[in-house]
C-alpha atoms as a PDB file:
ATOM      1  CA  UNK A   1       0.000   0.000   0.000  1.00  0.00           C
ATOM      2  CA  UNK A   2       2.872   2.371   0.768  1.00  0.00           C
ATOM      3  CA  UNK A   3       4.437   1.722  -2.651  1.00  0.00           C
ATOM      4  CA  UNK A   4       1.086   2.241  -4.391  1.00  0.00           C
ATOM      5  CA  UNK A   5       0.557   5.604  -2.674  1.00  0.00           C
ATOM      6  CA  UNK A   6       4.092   6.736  -3.557  1.00  0.00           C
ATOM      7  CA  UNK A   7       3.793   5.661  -7.202  1.00  0.00           C
ATOM      8  CA  UNK A   8       0.350   7.268  -7.548  1.00  0.00           C
ATOM      9  CA  UNK A   9       1.614  10.612  -6.307  1.00  0.00           C
ATOM     10  CA  UNK A  10       4.747  10.408  -8.474  1.00  0.00           C
ATOM     11  CA  UNK A  11       2.874   9.562 -11.684  1.00  0.00           C
ATOM     12  CA  UNK A  12      -0.056  11.944 -11.206  1.00  0.00           C
ATOM     13  CA  UNK A  13       2.129  14.907 -10.247  1.00  0.00           C
ATOM     14  CA  UNK A  14       4.536  14.481 -13.161  1.00  0.00           C
ATOM     15  CA  UNK A  15       1.670  13.559 -15.496  1.00  0.00           C
ATOM     16  CA  UNK A  16       0.033  16.913 -14.743  1.00  0.00           C
ATOM     17  CA  UNK A  17       3.311  18.845 -14.900  1.00  0.00           C
ATOM     18  CA  UNK A  18       4.351  17.526 -18.327  1.00  0.00           C
ATOM     19  CA  UNK A  19       0.828  16.988 -19.715  1.00  0.00           C
ATOM     20  CA  UNK A  20       1.063  13.220 -20.270  1.00  0.00           C
ATOM     21  CA  UNK A  21      -2.285  11.369 -20.395  1.00  0.00           C
ATOM     22  CA  UNK A  22      -0.496   8.002 -20.338  1.00  0.00           C
ATOM     23  CA  UNK A  23       1.429   8.892 -17.183  1.00  0.00           C
ATOM     24  CA  UNK A  24      -1.661  10.418 -15.581  1.00  0.00           C
ATOM     25  CA  UNK A  25      -3.889   7.391 -16.248  1.00  0.00           C
ATOM     26  CA  UNK A  26      -1.091   5.094 -15.126  1.00  0.00           C
ATOM     27  CA  UNK A  27      -1.058   7.057 -11.866  1.00  0.00           C
ATOM     28  CA  UNK A  28      -4.778   6.465 -11.362  1.00  0.00           C
ATOM     29  CA  UNK A  29      -4.157   2.800 -12.148  1.00  0.00           C
ATOM     30  CA  UNK A  30      -1.660   2.693  -9.279  1.00  0.00           C
ATOM     31  CA  UNK A  31      -4.247   4.456  -7.114  1.00  0.00           C
ATOM     32  CA  UNK A  32      -6.745   1.720  -7.958  1.00  0.00           C
ATOM     33  CA  UNK A  33      -4.179  -0.781  -6.671  1.00  0.00           C
ATOM     34  CA  UNK A  34      -4.544   0.890  -3.292  1.00  0.00           C
ATOM     35  CA  UNK A  35      -8.327   0.442  -3.427  1.00  0.00           C
ATOM     36  CA  UNK A  36      -8.046  -3.226  -4.328  1.00  0.00           C
ATOM     37  CA  UNK A  37      -5.459  -3.745  -1.561  1.00  0.00           C
ATOM     38  CA  UNK A  38      -8.156  -2.601   0.860  1.00  0.00           C
ATOM     39  CA  UNK A  39     -10.749  -4.855  -0.822  1.00  0.00           C
ATOM     40  CA  UNK A  40      -8.432  -7.856  -0.475  1.00  0.00           C
ATOM     41  CA  UNK A  41      -7.742  -7.076   3.194  1.00  0.00           C
ATOM     42  CA  UNK A  42     -11.465  -6.831   3.953  1.00  0.00           C
ATOM     43  CA  UNK A  43     -12.347  -9.902   1.859  1.00  0.00           C
ATOM     44  CA  UNK A  44      -9.615 -12.027   3.413  1.00  0.00           C
ATOM     45  CA  UNK A  45     -10.528 -10.927   6.941  1.00  0.00           C
ATOM     46  CA  UNK A  46     -14.203 -11.820   6.626  1.00  0.00           C
ATOM     47  CA  UNK A  47     -13.651 -14.761   4.266  1.00  0.00           C
ATOM     48  CA  UNK A  48     -11.386 -16.538   6.749  1.00  0.00           C
ATOM     49  CA  UNK A  49     -13.907 -16.391   9.605  1.00  0.00           C
ATOM     50  CA  UNK A  50     -15.024 -19.740  11.013  1.00  0.00           C
ATOM     51  CA  UNK A  51     -18.343 -21.278  10.032  1.00  0.00           C
ATOM     52  CA  UNK A  52     -21.359 -20.220  12.074  1.00  0.00           C
ATOM     53  CA  UNK A  53     -25.063 -21.048  12.347  1.00  0.00           C
ATOM     54  CA  UNK A  54     -26.020 -18.876   9.368  1.00  0.00           C
ATOM     55  CA  UNK A  55     -22.980 -19.883   7.273  1.00  0.00           C
ATOM     56  CA  UNK A  56     -22.335 -23.576   8.039  1.00  0.00           C
ATOM     57  CA  UNK A  57     -19.942 -23.882   5.079  1.00  0.00           C
ATOM     58  CA  UNK A  58     -17.876 -20.885   6.137  1.00  0.00           C
ATOM     59  CA  UNK A  59     -17.459 -17.433   4.568  1.00  0.00           C
ATOM     60  CA  UNK A  60     -15.073 -18.277   1.713  1.00  0.00           C
ATOM     61  CA  UNK A  61     -17.328 -16.787  -0.952  1.00  0.00           C
ATOM     62  CA  UNK A  62     -16.600 -13.328   0.475  1.00  0.00           C
ATOM     63  CA  UNK A  63     -13.017 -13.704  -0.705  1.00  0.00           C
ATOM     64  CA  UNK A  64     -14.281 -14.780  -4.142  1.00  0.00           C
ATOM     65  CA  UNK A  65     -16.431 -11.651  -4.400  1.00  0.00           C
ATOM     66  CA  UNK A  66     -13.430  -9.609  -3.267  1.00  0.00           C
ATOM     67  CA  UNK A  67     -11.464 -11.002  -6.210  1.00  0.00           C
ATOM     68  CA  UNK A  68     -14.382 -10.216  -8.540  1.00  0.00           C
ATOM     69  CA  UNK A  69     -14.401  -6.629  -7.234  1.00  0.00           C
ATOM     70  CA  UNK A  70     -10.726  -6.314  -8.162  1.00  0.00           C
ATOM     71  CA  UNK A  71     -11.588  -7.564 -11.656  1.00  0.00           C
ATOM     72  CA  UNK A  72     -14.429  -5.039 -11.983  1.00  0.00           C
ATOM     73  CA  UNK A  73     -12.141  -2.162 -10.990  1.00  0.00           C
ATOM     74  CA  UNK A  74      -9.600  -3.304 -13.583  1.00  0.00           C
ATOM     75  CA  UNK A  75     -12.258  -3.529 -16.298  1.00  0.00           C
ATOM     76  CA  UNK A  76     -13.546  -0.001 -15.683  1.00  0.00           C
ATOM     77  CA  UNK A  77     -10.041   1.488 -15.549  1.00  0.00           C
ATOM     78  CA  UNK A  78      -9.012  -0.187 -18.813  1.00  0.00           C
ATOM     79  CA  UNK A  79     -12.134   0.957 -20.663  1.00  0.00           C
ATOM     80  CA  UNK A  80     -11.835   4.564 -19.439  1.00  0.00           C
ATOM     81  CA  UNK A  81      -8.154   4.729 -20.420  1.00  0.00           C
ATOM     82  CA  UNK A  82      -8.859   3.494 -23.945  1.00  0.00           C
ATOM     83  CA  UNK A  83     -11.766   5.913 -24.383  1.00  0.00           C
ATOM     84  CA  UNK A  84      -9.829   8.986 -23.212  1.00  0.00           C
ATOM     85  CA  UNK A  85      -6.742   8.161 -25.280  1.00  0.00           C
ATOM     86  CA  UNK A  86      -8.857   7.530 -28.399  1.00  0.00           C
ATOM     87  CA  UNK A  87     -10.614  10.874 -27.976  1.00  0.00           C
ATOM     88  CA  UNK A  88      -7.249  12.620 -27.679  1.00  0.00           C
ATOM     89  CA  UNK A  89      -5.995  10.980 -30.883  1.00  0.00           C
ATOM     90  CA  UNK A  90      -9.138  12.147 -32.685  1.00  0.00           C
ATOM     91  CA  UNK A  91      -8.574  15.742 -31.556  1.00  0.00           C
ATOM     92  CA  UNK A  92      -4.773  15.852 -31.665  1.00  0.00           C
ATOM     93  CA  UNK A  93      -3.117  17.479 -34.701  1.00  0.00           C
ATOM     94  CA  UNK A  94      -0.422  15.519 -36.485  1.00  0.00           C
ATOM     95  CA  UNK A  95       2.360  17.777 -35.232  1.00  0.00           C
ATOM     96  CA  UNK A  96       2.127  18.550 -31.540  1.00  0.00           C
ATOM     97  CA  UNK A  97       5.634  19.751 -30.818  1.00  0.00           C
ATOM     98  CA  UNK A  98       6.111  17.597 -27.745  1.00  0.00           C
ATOM     99  CA  UNK A  99       8.980  18.929 -25.650  1.00  0.00           C
ATOM    100  CA  UNK A 100      11.794  16.436 -25.225  1.00  0.00           C
ATOM    101  CA  UNK A 101      11.345  16.795 -21.462  1.00  0.00           C
ATOM    102  CA  UNK A 102       7.980  14.985 -21.756  1.00  0.00           C
ATOM    103  CA  UNK A 103       9.588  11.810 -23.066  1.00  0.00           C
ATOM    104  CA  UNK A 104      12.467  12.012 -20.597  1.00  0.00           C
ATOM    105  CA  UNK A 105      10.194  12.418 -17.554  1.00  0.00           C
ATOM    106  CA  UNK A 106       7.938   9.583 -18.736  1.00  0.00           C
ATOM    107  CA  UNK A 107      10.951   7.283 -19.132  1.00  0.00           C
ATOM    108  CA  UNK A 108      12.336   7.826 -15.638  1.00  0.00           C
ATOM    109  CA  UNK A 109       8.996   7.665 -13.830  1.00  0.00           C
ATOM    110  CA  UNK A 110       7.862   4.560 -15.729  1.00  0.00           C
ATOM    111  CA  UNK A 111      11.197   2.808 -15.068  1.00  0.00           C
ATOM    112  CA  UNK A 112      10.759   3.319 -11.320  1.00  0.00           C
ATOM    113  CA  UNK A 113       7.222   1.966 -11.585  1.00  0.00           C
ATOM    114  CA  UNK A 114       8.106  -1.107 -13.671  1.00  0.00           C
ATOM    115  CA  UNK A 115      10.811  -2.269 -11.278  1.00  0.00           C
ATOM    116  CA  UNK A 116       8.872  -1.680  -8.048  1.00  0.00           C
ATOM    117  CA  UNK A 117       5.561  -3.130  -9.281  1.00  0.00           C
ATOM    118  CA  UNK A 118       7.173  -6.219 -10.785  1.00  0.00           C
ATOM    119  CA  UNK A 119       8.834  -6.919  -7.431  1.00  0.00           C
ATOM    120  CA  UNK A 120       5.509  -6.526  -5.603  1.00  0.00           C
ATOM    121  CA  UNK A 121       3.781  -8.761  -8.184  1.00  0.00           C
ATOM    122  CA  UNK A 122       6.258 -11.595  -7.628  1.00  0.00           C
ATOM    123  CA  UNK A 123       6.049 -11.281  -3.843  1.00  0.00           C
ATOM    124  CA  UNK A 124       2.237 -11.164  -3.799  1.00  0.00           C
ATOM    125  CA  UNK A 125       1.921 -14.028  -6.291  1.00  0.00           C
ATOM    126  CA  UNK A 126       4.194 -16.274  -4.210  1.00  0.00           C
ATOM    127  CA  UNK A 127       2.108 -15.618  -1.087  1.00  0.00           C
ATOM    128  CA  UNK A 128      -1.132 -16.176  -3.042  1.00  0.00           C
ATOM    129  CA  UNK A 129       0.129 -19.530  -4.358  1.00  0.00           C
ATOM    130  CA  UNK A 130       1.211 -20.577  -0.870  1.00  0.00           C
ATOM    131  CA  UNK A 131      -2.073 -19.599   0.792  1.00  0.00           C
ATOM    132  CA  UNK A 132      -4.323 -20.485  -2.202  1.00  0.00           C
ATOM    133  CA  UNK A 133      -6.002 -17.076  -1.987  1.00  0.00           C
ATOM    134  CA  UNK A 134      -7.989 -16.173  -5.123  1.00  0.00           C
ATOM    135  CA  UNK A 135      -8.337 -12.552  -4.006  1.00  0.00           C
ATOM    136  CA  UNK A 136      -4.615 -12.188  -3.368  1.00  0.00           C
ATOM    137  CA  UNK A 137      -3.804 -13.854  -6.705  1.00  0.00           C
ATOM    138  CA  UNK A 138      -6.130 -11.401  -8.492  1.00  0.00           C
ATOM    139  CA  UNK A 139      -4.448  -8.522  -6.704  1.00  0.00           C
ATOM    140  CA  UNK A 140      -1.033  -9.856  -7.710  1.00  0.00           C
ATOM    141  CA  UNK A 141      -2.124  -9.633 -11.346  1.00  0.00           C
ATOM    142  CA  UNK A 142      -3.360  -6.121 -10.652  1.00  0.00           C
ATOM    143  CA  UNK A 143       0.201  -5.282  -9.609  1.00  0.00           C
ATOM    144  CA  UNK A 144       1.528  -6.991 -12.755  1.00  0.00           C
ATOM    145  CA  UNK A 145      -0.907  -5.004 -14.920  1.00  0.00           C
ATOM    146  CA  UNK A 146       0.476  -1.828 -13.365  1.00  0.00           C
ATOM    147  CA  UNK A 147       4.001  -2.929 -14.249  1.00  0.00           C
ATOM    148  CA  UNK A 148       2.905  -3.693 -17.819  1.00  0.00           C
ATOM    149  CA  UNK A 149       1.086  -0.375 -18.103  1.00  0.00           C
ATOM    150  CA  UNK A 150       4.237   1.444 -17.013  1.00  0.00           C
ATOM    151  CA  UNK A 151       6.166  -0.527 -19.611  1.00  0.00           C
ATOM    152  CA  UNK A 152       3.707   0.675 -22.255  1.00  0.00           C
ATOM    153  CA  UNK A 153       4.197   4.247 -21.022  1.00  0.00           C
ATOM    154  CA  UNK A 154       7.945   3.722 -21.370  1.00  0.00           C
ATOM    155  CA  UNK A 155       7.530   2.639 -25.005  1.00  0.00           C
ATOM    156  CA  UNK A 156       5.253   5.631 -25.629  1.00  0.00           C
ATOM    157  CA  UNK A 157       7.904   7.931 -24.192  1.00  0.00           C
ATOM    158  CA  UNK A 158      10.523   6.489 -26.545  1.00  0.00           C
ATOM    159  CA  UNK A 159       8.118   7.093 -29.452  1.00  0.00           C
ATOM    160  CA  UNK A 160       7.742  10.730 -28.362  1.00  0.00           C
ATOM    161  CA  UNK A 161      11.536  11.163 -28.316  1.00  0.00           C
ATOM    162  CA  UNK A 162      11.513  10.018 -31.954  1.00  0.00           C
ATOM    163  CA  UNK A 163       8.884  12.702 -32.647  1.00  0.00           C
ATOM    164  CA  UNK A 164       5.902  10.355 -33.106  1.00  0.00           C
ATOM    165  CA  UNK A 165       2.908  12.594 -32.174  1.00  0.00           C
ATOM    166  CA  UNK A 166       0.577   9.907 -30.810  1.00  0.00           C
ATOM    167  CA  UNK A 167       3.075   7.935 -28.742  1.00  0.00           C
ATOM    168  CA  UNK A 168       1.508   9.011 -25.432  1.00  0.00           C
ATOM    169  CA  UNK A 169      -2.025   8.059 -26.517  1.00  0.00           C
ATOM    170  CA  UNK A 170      -1.023   4.760 -28.146  1.00  0.00           C
ATOM    171  CA  UNK A 171       0.743   3.814 -24.925  1.00  0.00           C
ATOM    172  CA  UNK A 172      -2.426   4.591 -22.943  1.00  0.00           C
ATOM    173  CA  UNK A 173      -4.532   2.404 -25.267  1.00  0.00           C
ATOM    174  CA  UNK A 174      -2.064  -0.476 -24.952  1.00  0.00           C
ATOM    175  CA  UNK A 175      -2.222  -0.122 -21.171  1.00  0.00           C
ATOM    176  CA  UNK A 176      -6.030  -0.216 -21.263  1.00  0.00           C
ATOM    177  CA  UNK A 177      -6.115  -3.378 -23.367  1.00  0.00           C
ATOM    178  CA  UNK A 178      -3.706  -5.181 -21.047  1.00  0.00           C
ATOM    179  CA  UNK A 179      -5.752  -4.202 -18.007  1.00  0.00           C
ATOM    180  CA  UNK A 180      -8.973  -5.498 -19.613  1.00  0.00           C
ATOM    181  CA  UNK A 181      -7.294  -8.834 -20.421  1.00  0.00           C
ATOM    182  CA  UNK A 182      -6.245  -9.195 -16.776  1.00  0.00           C
ATOM    183  CA  UNK A 183      -9.820  -8.376 -15.672  1.00  0.00           C
ATOM    184  CA  UNK A 184     -11.182 -11.132 -17.925  1.00  0.00           C
ATOM    185  CA  UNK A 185      -8.696 -13.591 -16.401  1.00  0.00           C
ATOM    186  CA  UNK A 186      -9.772 -12.648 -12.869  1.00  0.00           C
ATOM    187  CA  UNK A 187     -13.485 -12.902 -13.695  1.00  0.00           C
ATOM    188  CA  UNK A 188     -12.915 -16.306 -15.304  1.00  0.00           C
ATOM    189  CA  UNK A 189     -11.396 -17.676 -12.101  1.00  0.00           C
ATOM    190  CA  UNK A 190     -14.267 -16.305  -9.991  1.00  0.00           C
ATOM    191  CA  UNK A 191     -16.867 -17.711 -12.396  1.00  0.00           C
ATOM    192  CA  UNK A 192     -15.275 -21.168 -12.223  1.00  0.00           C
ATOM    193  CA  UNK A 193     -15.595 -21.142  -8.450  1.00  0.00           C
ATOM    194  CA  UNK A 194     -19.147 -19.786  -8.390  1.00  0.00           C
ATOM    195  CA  UNK A 195     -20.277 -22.455 -10.888  1.00  0.00           C
ATOM    196  CA  UNK A 196     -18.874 -25.173  -8.593  1.00  0.00           C
ATOM    197  CA  UNK A 197     -16.125 -26.267 -10.960  1.00  0.00           C
ATOM    198  CA  UNK A 198     -13.813 -28.948  -9.606  1.00  0.00           C
ATOM    199  CA  UNK A 199     -10.342 -28.031  -8.400  1.00  0.00           C
ATOM    200  CA  UNK A 200      -7.427 -28.099 -10.828  1.00  0.00           C
ATOM    201  CA  UNK A 201      -6.114 -31.417 -12.137  1.00  0.00           C
ATOM    202  CA  UNK A 202      -2.887 -31.249 -10.145  1.00  0.00           C
ATOM    203  CA  UNK A 203      -4.840 -30.966  -6.880  1.00  0.00           C
ATOM    204  CA  UNK A 204      -7.163 -33.824  -7.905  1.00  0.00           C
ATOM    205  CA  UNK A 205      -4.151 -36.034  -8.599  1.00  0.00           C
ATOM    206  CA  UNK A 206      -2.713 -35.165  -5.183  1.00  0.00           C
ATOM    207  CA  UNK A 207      -6.007 -36.135  -3.505  1.00  0.00           C
ATOM    208  CA  UNK A 208      -6.118 -39.424  -5.415  1.00  0.00           C
ATOM    209  CA  UNK A 209      -2.534 -40.197  -4.383  1.00  0.00           C
ATOM    210  CA  UNK A 210      -3.381 -39.625  -0.710  1.00  0.00           C
ATOM    211  CA  UNK A 211      -6.437 -41.898  -0.957  1.00  0.00           C
ATOM    212  CA  UNK A 212      -4.410 -44.633  -2.674  1.00  0.00           C
ATOM    213  CA  UNK A 213      -1.805 -44.516   0.101  1.00  0.00           C
ATOM    214  CA  UNK A 214      -4.381 -45.638   2.690  1.00  0.00           C
ATOM    215  CA  UNK A 215      -3.893 -49.419   2.542  1.00  0.00           C
ATOM    216  CA  UNK A 216      -7.087 -50.343   4.375  1.00  0.00           C
ATOM    217  CA  UNK A 217      -9.180 -48.664   1.674  1.00  0.00           C
ATOM    218  CA  UNK A 218      -9.815 -51.430  -0.863  1.00  0.00           C
ATOM    219  CA  UNK A 219     -11.331 -49.179  -3.523  1.00  0.00           C
ATOM    220  CA  UNK A 220     -13.011 -45.812  -3.926  1.00  0.00           C
ATOM    221  CA  UNK A 221     -15.268 -43.924  -6.336  1.00  0.00           C
ATOM    222  CA  UNK A 222     -17.521 -40.869  -6.746  1.00  0.00           C
ATOM    223  CA  UNK A 223     -14.758 -38.417  -5.852  1.00  0.00           C
ATOM    224  CA  UNK A 224     -16.054 -34.851  -6.118  1.00  0.00           C
ATOM    225  CA  UNK A 225     -14.263 -31.587  -5.389  1.00  0.00           C
ATOM    226  CA  UNK A 226     -15.037 -27.890  -5.389  1.00  0.00           C
ATOM    227  CA  UNK A 227     -13.511 -24.701  -4.029  1.00  0.00           C
ATOM    228  CA  UNK A 228     -14.983 -22.239  -1.582  1.00  0.00           C
ATOM    229  CA  UNK A 229     -12.531 -19.400  -1.111  1.00  0.00           C
ATOM    230  CA  UNK A 230      -9.248 -20.999  -0.082  1.00  0.00           C
ATOM    231  CA  UNK A 231     -10.927 -24.165   1.209  1.00  0.00           C
ATOM    232  CA  UNK A 232     -11.292 -27.339  -0.864  1.00  0.00           C
ATOM    233  CA  UNK A 233     -14.430 -29.391  -0.291  1.00  0.00           C
ATOM    234  CA  UNK A 234     -14.012 -33.126  -0.955  1.00  0.00           C
ATOM    235  CA  UNK A 235     -16.574 -35.909  -0.830  1.00  0.00           C
ATOM    236  CA  UNK A 236     -16.082 -39.531  -1.911  1.00  0.00           C
ATOM    237  CA  UNK A 237     -17.162 -43.112  -1.341  1.00  0.00           C
ATOM    238  CA  UNK A 238     -14.623 -45.592   0.017  1.00  0.00           C
ATOM    239  CA  UNK A 239     -14.963 -49.384  -0.061  1.00  0.00           C
ATOM    240  CA  UNK A 240     -13.689 -51.386   2.904  1.00  0.00           C
ATOM    241  CA  UNK A 241     -13.693 -54.995   4.134  1.00  0.00           C
ATOM    242  CA  UNK A 242     -17.366 -55.940   4.792  1.00  0.00           C
ATOM    243  CA  UNK A 243     -16.355 -57.916   7.900  1.00  0.00           C
ATOM    244  CA  UNK A 244     -15.055 -54.836   9.704  1.00  0.00           C
ATOM    245  CA  UNK A 245     -16.957 -53.446  12.652  1.00  0.00           C
ATOM    246  CA  UNK A 246     -18.570 -50.014  12.403  1.00  0.00           C
ATOM    247  CA  UNK A 247     -15.876 -48.682  14.739  1.00  0.00           C
ATOM    248  CA  UNK A 248     -13.043 -50.037  12.554  1.00  0.00           C
ATOM    249  CA  UNK A 249     -14.617 -48.608   9.393  1.00  0.00           C
ATOM    250  CA  UNK A 250     -15.034 -45.241  11.119  1.00  0.00           C
ATOM    251  CA  UNK A 251     -11.344 -45.278  12.103  1.00  0.00           C
ATOM    252  CA  UNK A 252     -10.398 -45.777   8.444  1.00  0.00           C
ATOM    253  CA  UNK A 253     -12.578 -42.821   7.469  1.00  0.00           C
ATOM    254  CA  UNK A 254     -11.052 -40.662  10.202  1.00  0.00           C
ATOM    255  CA  UNK A 255      -7.542 -41.720   9.154  1.00  0.00           C
ATOM    256  CA  UNK A 256      -8.203 -40.663   5.554  1.00  0.00           C
ATOM    257  CA  UNK A 257      -9.585 -37.302   6.637  1.00  0.00           C
ATOM    258  CA  UNK A 258      -6.562 -36.673   8.845  1.00  0.00           C
ATOM    259  CA  UNK A 259      -4.171 -37.613   6.006  1.00  0.00           C
ATOM    260  CA  UNK A 260      -5.884 -35.151   3.680  1.00  0.00           C
ATOM    261  CA  UNK A 261      -5.662 -32.400   6.306  1.00  0.00           C
ATOM    262  CA  UNK A 262      -1.994 -33.123   7.008  1.00  0.00           C
ATOM    263  CA  UNK A 263      -0.770 -33.544   3.438  1.00  0.00           C
ATOM    264  CA  UNK A 264      -2.785 -30.922   1.545  1.00  0.00           C
ATOM    265  CA  UNK A 265      -1.262 -27.447   1.408  1.00  0.00           C
ATOM    266  CA  UNK A 266      -4.636 -25.711   1.747  1.00  0.00           C
ATOM    267  CA  UNK A 267      -7.592 -26.134   4.112  1.00  0.00           C
ATOM    268  CA  UNK A 268      -9.847 -29.090   3.268  1.00  0.00           C
ATOM    269  CA  UNK A 269     -13.366 -30.080   4.256  1.00  0.00           C
ATOM    270  CA  UNK A 270     -13.885 -33.834   3.809  1.00  0.00           C
ATOM    271  CA  UNK A 271     -17.044 -35.963   3.696  1.00  0.00           C
ATOM    272  CA  UNK A 272     -16.490 -39.733   3.432  1.00  0.00           C
ATOM    273  CA  UNK A 273     -19.208 -42.314   2.700  1.00  0.00           C
ATOM    274  CA  UNK A 274     -18.279 -45.878   3.680  1.00  0.00           C
ATOM    275  CA  UNK A 275     -19.399 -48.914   1.639  1.00  0.00           C
ATOM    276  CA  UNK A 276     -18.643 -52.652   1.961  1.00  0.00           C
ATOM    277  CA  UNK A 277     -16.444 -54.132  -0.743  1.00  0.00           C
ATOM    278  CA  UNK A 278     -18.351 -56.855  -2.604  1.00  0.00           C
ATOM    279  CA  UNK A 279     -16.359 -59.526  -4.438  1.00  0.00           C
END
């Protein structure tokens, strides 16, 4: 959040001083990062609350909606940037006489932004992968989109130095398109979760490996998975020796649940149905 505030001030101030729409819109993009940081903090706080009487499956969907909010902010920012830059191109004469200082300022400010935002993207993405947080992963891509937008501003600045009149506006349009693509990616992930899509294939294979390692389980079927925030919900049928007592069969079920909790890198909620193995 501190970096986002600093970058916003830097870009907006210099964008106004040198009259660069690309730098100015990039500054508001960094400011939107601050807003989505807050959204992620709020979503993660409430989404990680324990289940209660009114929400027996927990509050994980709050984090999903937090990620969707980040995507919505990105979509609006991208569309507004493209619209404003296009209008400027339509009104801008072919020869604008850009001062060389415009390109130079844009280069230095965008370089600072690219380096700092790429570092924050990598840090945030690593934490999101470790904690399996959809909201944090979406916010990581928001940071990456800011780095890419600054890169586009950098290319626009170089174009201005070579006396191309629309370099600033073309850079802003490129930034807008990249931001919209990121928004689509974020919305896609949220939609998959809200439509109860199963977890990714790598996670399914890990679950199957854990089940297969339990020697007292003779067979299993009807494995189903879904995500709710950071938590994975698993239900399956296991087949055991029909001569076992109810207590022994229950111990096998408990052992499987404990193995899944211990060996999965994210929180799991397991429901096991026990069946006798028929030969």
